[in-house]
Amino acid sequence: MARGRPSKKLQILDSARELFVELGYQGTTIDLVVQNAAVSKPTVYGHFPSKQVLWQAMLEQTIEAAEQQRNAIEVLSGDWLGAVIEAYRLLAAKPETVAVYRIMLGERHKMAGEARRLFDDFEYRLTVWCDAVLQAQGATLDEEQRFVLHALCREGMLQPALRQRPGPDVGRLKQTIARAIE
């Protein structure tokens, strides 16, 4: 492999990501990945024995990147709500993360158990991260308040992205959530 050129596996994965984002799971075929990556079908199958395995690799890579981004959020003293909203805003800002949500929510029944487990674990770790931010900032929310917090963040930030609409004004969303969890 020449220095500076991506490996065939990474080239295939990058091409598949573009297609999954643009066409969804159902619309992405191995033939399209072959064409988009400019590799042979045996090369694709040599790295990824099925579309499901290719999707799972893309899912793992996207989840890892989203978690690194979330863990880099600076939580200003006392602004736990701003940090939680920012975590959801970052998810909504990345086309590949929005594609993961769109596919996992809309085509979950087609996914292998491992892909479902990865997505469920990603959602769980988001909740754990948010709870850790709350605890570190001394915010005490009961279970119902935490549910409302996550529901409003998800609805406010992810739903517009899933529908390809502009996101809300973050300041107004923050005020709405603060009132709802009082």
C-alpha atoms as a PDB file:
ATOM      1  CA  MET A   1       0.000   0.000   0.000  1.00  0.00           C
ATOM      2  CA  ALA A   2       1.372   3.401  -0.957  1.00  0.00           C
ATOM      3  CA  ARG A   3       1.937   5.867   1.830  1.00  0.00           C
ATOM      4  CA  GLY A   4      -0.911   8.353   2.161  1.00  0.00           C
ATOM      5  CA  ARG A   5      -3.476   6.170   0.386  1.00  0.00           C
ATOM      6  CA  PRO A   6      -6.272   4.639   2.434  1.00  0.00           C
ATOM      7  CA  SER A   7      -6.395   0.878   2.776  1.00  0.00           C
ATOM      8  CA  LYS A   8      -8.908  -0.956   0.599  1.00  0.00           C
ATOM      9  CA  LYS A   9     -10.916  -1.788   3.713  1.00  0.00           C
ATOM     10  CA  LEU A  10     -11.098   1.868   4.737  1.00  0.00           C
ATOM     11  CA  GLN A  11     -11.853   2.893   1.149  1.00  0.00           C
ATOM     12  CA  ILE A  12     -14.763   0.417   1.068  1.00  0.00           C
ATOM     13  CA  LEU A  13     -16.008   1.560   4.470  1.00  0.00           C
ATOM     14  CA  ASP A  14     -15.855   5.242   3.487  1.00  0.00           C
ATOM     15  CA  SER A  15     -17.759   4.534   0.272  1.00  0.00           C
ATOM     16  CA  ALA A  16     -20.365   2.498   2.128  1.00  0.00           C
ATOM     17  CA  ARG A  17     -20.792   5.308   4.671  1.00  0.00           C
ATOM     18  CA  GLU A  18     -21.501   7.794   1.878  1.00  0.00           C
ATOM     19  CA  LEU A  19     -24.080   5.439   0.392  1.00  0.00           C
ATOM     20  CA  PHE A  20     -25.753   4.600   3.710  1.00  0.00           C
ATOM     21  CA  VAL A  21     -26.042   8.330   4.460  1.00  0.00           C
ATOM     22  CA  GLU A  22     -27.455   9.111   1.023  1.00  0.00           C
ATOM     23  CA  LEU A  23     -29.560   6.021   0.286  1.00  0.00           C
ATOM     24  CA  GLY A  24     -30.231   4.348   3.636  1.00  0.00           C
ATOM     25  CA  TYR A  25     -29.700   0.691   4.419  1.00  0.00           C
ATOM     26  CA  GLN A  26     -32.250  -0.677   1.972  1.00  0.00           C
ATOM     27  CA  GLY A  27     -31.014   1.500  -0.899  1.00  0.00           C
ATOM     28  CA  THR A  28     -27.357   0.597  -0.425  1.00  0.00           C
ATOM     29  CA  THR A  29     -26.239  -2.526  -2.259  1.00  0.00           C
ATOM     30  CA  ILE A  30     -22.891  -4.263  -2.427  1.00  0.00           C
ATOM     31  CA  ASP A  31     -22.860  -3.539  -6.171  1.00  0.00           C
ATOM     32  CA  LEU A  32     -23.157   0.198  -5.433  1.00  0.00           C
ATOM     33  CA  VAL A  33     -20.374  -0.055  -2.845  1.00  0.00           C
ATOM     34  CA  VAL A  34     -18.179  -1.822  -5.434  1.00  0.00           C
ATOM     35  CA  GLN A  35     -18.889   0.905  -7.976  1.00  0.00           C
ATOM     36  CA  ASN A  36     -18.473   3.802  -5.532  1.00  0.00           C
ATOM     37  CA  ALA A  37     -15.263   2.424  -3.991  1.00  0.00           C
ATOM     38  CA  ALA A  38     -13.834   1.446  -7.403  1.00  0.00           C
ATOM     39  CA  VAL A  39     -12.905  -2.024  -6.167  1.00  0.00           C
ATOM     40  CA  SER A  40     -13.946  -5.525  -7.164  1.00  0.00           C
ATOM     41  CA  LYS A  41     -16.779  -7.473  -5.598  1.00  0.00           C
ATOM     42  CA  PRO A  42     -14.357 -10.140  -4.253  1.00  0.00           C
ATOM     43  CA  THR A  43     -12.374  -7.322  -2.583  1.00  0.00           C
ATOM     44  CA  VAL A  44     -15.497  -6.081  -0.794  1.00  0.00           C
ATOM     45  CA  TYR A  45     -16.521  -9.587   0.264  1.00  0.00           C
ATOM     46  CA  GLY A  46     -12.946 -10.315   1.345  1.00  0.00           C
ATOM     47  CA  HIS A  47     -13.244  -7.568   3.954  1.00  0.00           C
ATOM     48  CA  PHE A  48     -16.998  -7.626   4.625  1.00  0.00           C
ATOM     49  CA  PRO A  49     -18.771 -10.972   4.043  1.00  0.00           C
ATOM     50  CA  SER A  50     -22.206  -9.311   3.892  1.00  0.00           C
ATOM     51  CA  LYS A  51     -23.936  -5.951   3.765  1.00  0.00           C
ATOM     52  CA  GLN A  52     -24.949  -6.512   7.387  1.00  0.00           C
ATOM     53  CA  VAL A  53     -21.277  -6.855   8.414  1.00  0.00           C
ATOM     54  CA  LEU A  54     -20.404  -3.738   6.397  1.00  0.00           C
ATOM     55  CA  TRP A  55     -23.231  -1.811   8.110  1.00  0.00           C
ATOM     56  CA  GLN A  56     -22.048  -3.006  11.509  1.00  0.00           C
ATOM     57  CA  ALA A  57     -18.477  -1.801  10.806  1.00  0.00           C
ATOM     58  CA  MET A  58     -19.811   1.599   9.727  1.00  0.00           C
ATOM     59  CA  LEU A  59     -22.018   1.697  12.826  1.00  0.00           C
ATOM     60  CA  GLU A  60     -19.067   0.931  15.116  1.00  0.00           C
ATOM     61  CA  GLN A  61     -16.924   3.619  13.489  1.00  0.00           C
ATOM     62  CA  THR A  62     -19.702   6.229  13.642  1.00  0.00           C
ATOM     63  CA  ILE A  63     -20.519   5.454  17.269  1.00  0.00           C
ATOM     64  CA  GLU A  64     -16.855   5.695  18.264  1.00  0.00           C
ATOM     65  CA  ALA A  65     -16.496   9.093  16.559  1.00  0.00           C
ATOM     66  CA  ALA A  66     -19.708  10.386  18.169  1.00  0.00           C
ATOM     67  CA  GLU A  67     -18.563   9.275  21.614  1.00  0.00           C
ATOM     68  CA  GLN A  68     -15.160  10.925  21.207  1.00  0.00           C
ATOM     69  CA  GLN A  69     -16.889  14.140  20.204  1.00  0.00           C
ATOM     70  CA  ARG A  70     -19.295  13.939  23.143  1.00  0.00           C
ATOM     71  CA  ASN A  71     -16.503  13.229  25.628  1.00  0.00           C
ATOM     72  CA  ALA A  72     -14.714  16.380  24.437  1.00  0.00           C
ATOM     73  CA  ILE A  73     -17.630  18.619  25.452  1.00  0.00           C
ATOM     74  CA  GLU A  74     -16.512  21.143  28.022  1.00  0.00           C
ATOM     75  CA  VAL A  75     -19.038  21.369  30.825  1.00  0.00           C
ATOM     76  CA  LEU A  76     -19.030  24.868  32.214  1.00  0.00           C
ATOM     77  CA  SER A  77     -19.685  25.114  35.919  1.00  0.00           C
ATOM     78  CA  GLY A  78     -23.384  24.845  36.563  1.00  0.00           C
ATOM     79  CA  ASP A  79     -24.372  24.543  32.892  1.00  0.00           C
ATOM     80  CA  TRP A  80     -25.206  20.853  32.843  1.00  0.00           C
ATOM     81  CA  LEU A  81     -28.278  21.521  30.697  1.00  0.00           C
ATOM     82  CA  GLY A  82     -26.182  23.272  28.049  1.00  0.00           C
ATOM     83  CA  ALA A  83     -23.776  20.308  27.986  1.00  0.00           C
ATOM     84  CA  VAL A  84     -26.574  17.755  27.575  1.00  0.00           C
ATOM     85  CA  ILE A  85     -28.185  19.780  24.780  1.00  0.00           C
ATOM     86  CA  GLU A  86     -24.775  20.113  23.111  1.00  0.00           C
ATOM     87  CA  ALA A  87     -24.344  16.317  23.163  1.00  0.00           C
ATOM     88  CA  TYR A  88     -27.613  15.923  21.266  1.00  0.00           C
ATOM     89  CA  ARG A  89     -26.789  18.846  18.952  1.00  0.00           C
ATOM     90  CA  LEU A  90     -23.516  17.191  17.982  1.00  0.00           C
ATOM     91  CA  LEU A  91     -25.379  13.983  17.106  1.00  0.00           C
ATOM     92  CA  ALA A  92     -27.794  15.928  14.914  1.00  0.00           C
ATOM     93  CA  ALA A  93     -24.972  17.834  13.193  1.00  0.00           C
ATOM     94  CA  LYS A  94     -23.246  14.778  11.699  1.00  0.00           C
ATOM     95  CA  PRO A  95     -24.893  13.272   8.594  1.00  0.00           C
ATOM     96  CA  GLU A  96     -23.581   9.794   9.376  1.00  0.00           C
ATOM     97  CA  THR A  97     -24.992   9.875  12.915  1.00  0.00           C
ATOM     98  CA  VAL A  98     -28.360  11.064  11.610  1.00  0.00           C
ATOM     99  CA  ALA A  99     -28.229   8.208   9.076  1.00  0.00           C
ATOM    100  CA  VAL A 100     -27.550   5.739  11.894  1.00  0.00           C
ATOM    101  CA  TYR A 101     -30.620   6.975  13.765  1.00  0.00           C
ATOM    102  CA  ARG A 102     -32.753   6.994  10.617  1.00  0.00           C
ATOM    103  CA  ILE A 103     -31.735   3.457   9.698  1.00  0.00           C
ATOM    104  CA  MET A 104     -31.824   1.988  13.202  1.00  0.00           C
ATOM    105  CA  LEU A 105     -35.206   3.517  13.972  1.00  0.00           C
ATOM    106  CA  GLY A 106     -36.775   2.820  10.588  1.00  0.00           C
ATOM    107  CA  GLU A 107     -35.191  -0.469   9.574  1.00  0.00           C
ATOM    108  CA  ARG A 108     -34.348  -1.991  12.957  1.00  0.00           C
ATOM    109  CA  HIS A 109     -36.315  -5.143  12.183  1.00  0.00           C
ATOM    110  CA  LYS A 110     -33.890  -5.892   9.322  1.00  0.00           C
ATOM    111  CA  MET A 111     -30.781  -5.564  11.460  1.00  0.00           C
ATOM    112  CA  ALA A 112     -28.800  -8.413  12.942  1.00  0.00           C
ATOM    113  CA  GLY A 113     -28.795  -8.728  16.706  1.00  0.00           C
ATOM    114  CA  GLU A 114     -25.261  -7.343  16.978  1.00  0.00           C
ATOM    115  CA  ALA A 115     -26.174  -4.113  15.158  1.00  0.00           C
ATOM    116  CA  ARG A 116     -29.212  -3.654  17.416  1.00  0.00           C
ATOM    117  CA  ARG A 117     -27.073  -4.322  20.480  1.00  0.00           C
ATOM    118  CA  LEU A 118     -24.460  -1.774  19.362  1.00  0.00           C
ATOM    119  CA  PHE A 119     -27.094   0.909  18.826  1.00  0.00           C
ATOM    120  CA  ASP A 120     -28.856   0.165  22.126  1.00  0.00           C
ATOM    121  CA  ASP A 121     -25.511   0.284  23.925  1.00  0.00           C
ATOM    122  CA  PHE A 122     -24.692   3.611  22.244  1.00  0.00           C
ATOM    123  CA  GLU A 123     -28.011   5.069  23.424  1.00  0.00           C
ATOM    124  CA  TYR A 124     -27.393   3.693  26.927  1.00  0.00           C
ATOM    125  CA  ARG A 125     -23.890   5.214  27.082  1.00  0.00           C
ATOM    126  CA  LEU A 126     -25.334   8.574  26.032  1.00  0.00           C
ATOM    127  CA  THR A 127     -27.728   8.370  28.986  1.00  0.00           C
ATOM    128  CA  VAL A 128     -24.913   7.337  31.348  1.00  0.00           C
ATOM    129  CA  TRP A 129     -22.763  10.251  30.113  1.00  0.00           C
ATOM    130  CA  CYS A 130     -25.623  12.693  30.690  1.00  0.00           C
ATOM    131  CA  ASP A 131     -26.240  11.273  34.171  1.00  0.00           C
ATOM    132  CA  ALA A 132     -22.527  11.645  34.983  1.00  0.00           C
ATOM    133  CA  VAL A 133     -22.648  15.305  33.880  1.00  0.00           C
ATOM    134  CA  LEU A 134     -25.691  15.881  36.098  1.00  0.00           C
ATOM    135  CA  GLN A 135     -24.005  14.221  39.059  1.00  0.00           C
ATOM    136  CA  ALA A 136     -20.711  16.093  38.568  1.00  0.00           C
ATOM    137  CA  GLN A 137     -22.601  19.386  38.467  1.00  0.00           C
ATOM    138  CA  GLY A 138     -24.668  18.545  41.545  1.00  0.00           C
ATOM    139  CA  ALA A 139     -27.947  18.509  39.596  1.00  0.00           C
ATOM    140  CA  THR A 140     -30.507  16.206  41.124  1.00  0.00           C
ATOM    141  CA  LEU A 141     -33.191  15.101  38.718  1.00  0.00           C
ATOM    142  CA  ASP A 142     -35.554  12.276  39.483  1.00  0.00           C
ATOM    143  CA  GLU A 143     -36.260   9.546  36.944  1.00  0.00           C
ATOM    144  CA  GLU A 144     -39.246  11.375  35.457  1.00  0.00           C
ATOM    145  CA  GLN A 145     -37.265  14.610  35.043  1.00  0.00           C
ATOM    146  CA  ARG A 146     -34.397  12.718  33.369  1.00  0.00           C
ATOM    147  CA  PHE A 147     -36.889  11.093  31.002  1.00  0.00           C
ATOM    148  CA  VAL A 148     -38.315  14.514  30.089  1.00  0.00           C
ATOM    149  CA  LEU A 149     -34.791  15.918  29.633  1.00  0.00           C
ATOM    150  CA  HIS A 150     -33.790  13.175  27.181  1.00  0.00           C
ATOM    151  CA  ALA A 151     -37.143  13.180  25.381  1.00  0.00           C
ATOM    152  CA  LEU A 152     -37.063  16.941  24.798  1.00  0.00           C
ATOM    153  CA  CYS A 153     -33.400  16.914  23.734  1.00  0.00           C
ATOM    154  CA  ARG A 154     -34.047  14.048  21.333  1.00  0.00           C
ATOM    155  CA  GLU A 155     -37.221  15.648  19.980  1.00  0.00           C
ATOM    156  CA  GLY A 156     -35.682  19.112  19.811  1.00  0.00           C
ATOM    157  CA  MET A 157     -32.354  18.232  18.250  1.00  0.00           C
ATOM    158  CA  LEU A 158     -32.570  14.841  16.510  1.00  0.00           C
ATOM    159  CA  GLN A 159     -36.091  14.938  15.100  1.00  0.00           C
ATOM    160  CA  PRO A 160     -35.521  18.049  12.960  1.00  0.00           C
ATOM    161  CA  ALA A 161     -32.329  16.473  11.583  1.00  0.00           C
ATOM    162  CA  LEU A 162     -34.151  13.225  10.805  1.00  0.00           C
ATOM    163  CA  ARG A 163     -36.796  15.205   8.955  1.00  0.00           C
ATOM    164  CA  GLN A 164     -34.149  17.360   7.228  1.00  0.00           C
ATOM    165  CA  ARG A 165     -35.447  20.531   8.834  1.00  0.00           C
ATOM    166  CA  PRO A 166     -33.532  23.267  10.636  1.00  0.00           C
ATOM    167  CA  GLY A 167     -32.844  22.660  14.297  1.00  0.00           C
ATOM    168  CA  PRO A 168     -34.341  24.803  17.014  1.00  0.00           C
ATOM    169  CA  ASP A 169     -32.858  27.871  18.605  1.00  0.00           C
ATOM    170  CA  VAL A 170     -30.710  26.279  21.316  1.00  0.00           C
ATOM    171  CA  GLY A 171     -31.399  29.073  23.821  1.00  0.00           C
ATOM    172  CA  ARG A 172     -35.157  28.656  23.471  1.00  0.00           C
ATOM    173  CA  LEU A 173     -34.867  24.874  23.703  1.00  0.00           C
ATOM    174  CA  LYS A 174     -32.818  25.272  26.872  1.00  0.00           C
ATOM    175  CA  GLN A 175     -35.499  27.536  28.399  1.00  0.00           C
ATOM    176  CA  THR A 176     -38.267  25.118  27.414  1.00  0.00           C
ATOM    177  CA  ILE A 177     -36.470  22.151  28.957  1.00  0.00           C
ATOM    178  CA  ALA A 178     -35.632  24.086  32.125  1.00  0.00           C
ATOM    179  CA  ARG A 179     -39.321  24.954  32.585  1.00  0.00           C
ATOM    180  CA  ALA A 180     -40.416  21.385  31.865  1.00  0.00           C
ATOM    181  CA  ILE A 181     -38.133  19.804  34.463  1.00  0.00           C
ATOM    182  CA  GLU A 182     -38.671  22.327  37.259  1.00  0.00           C
END
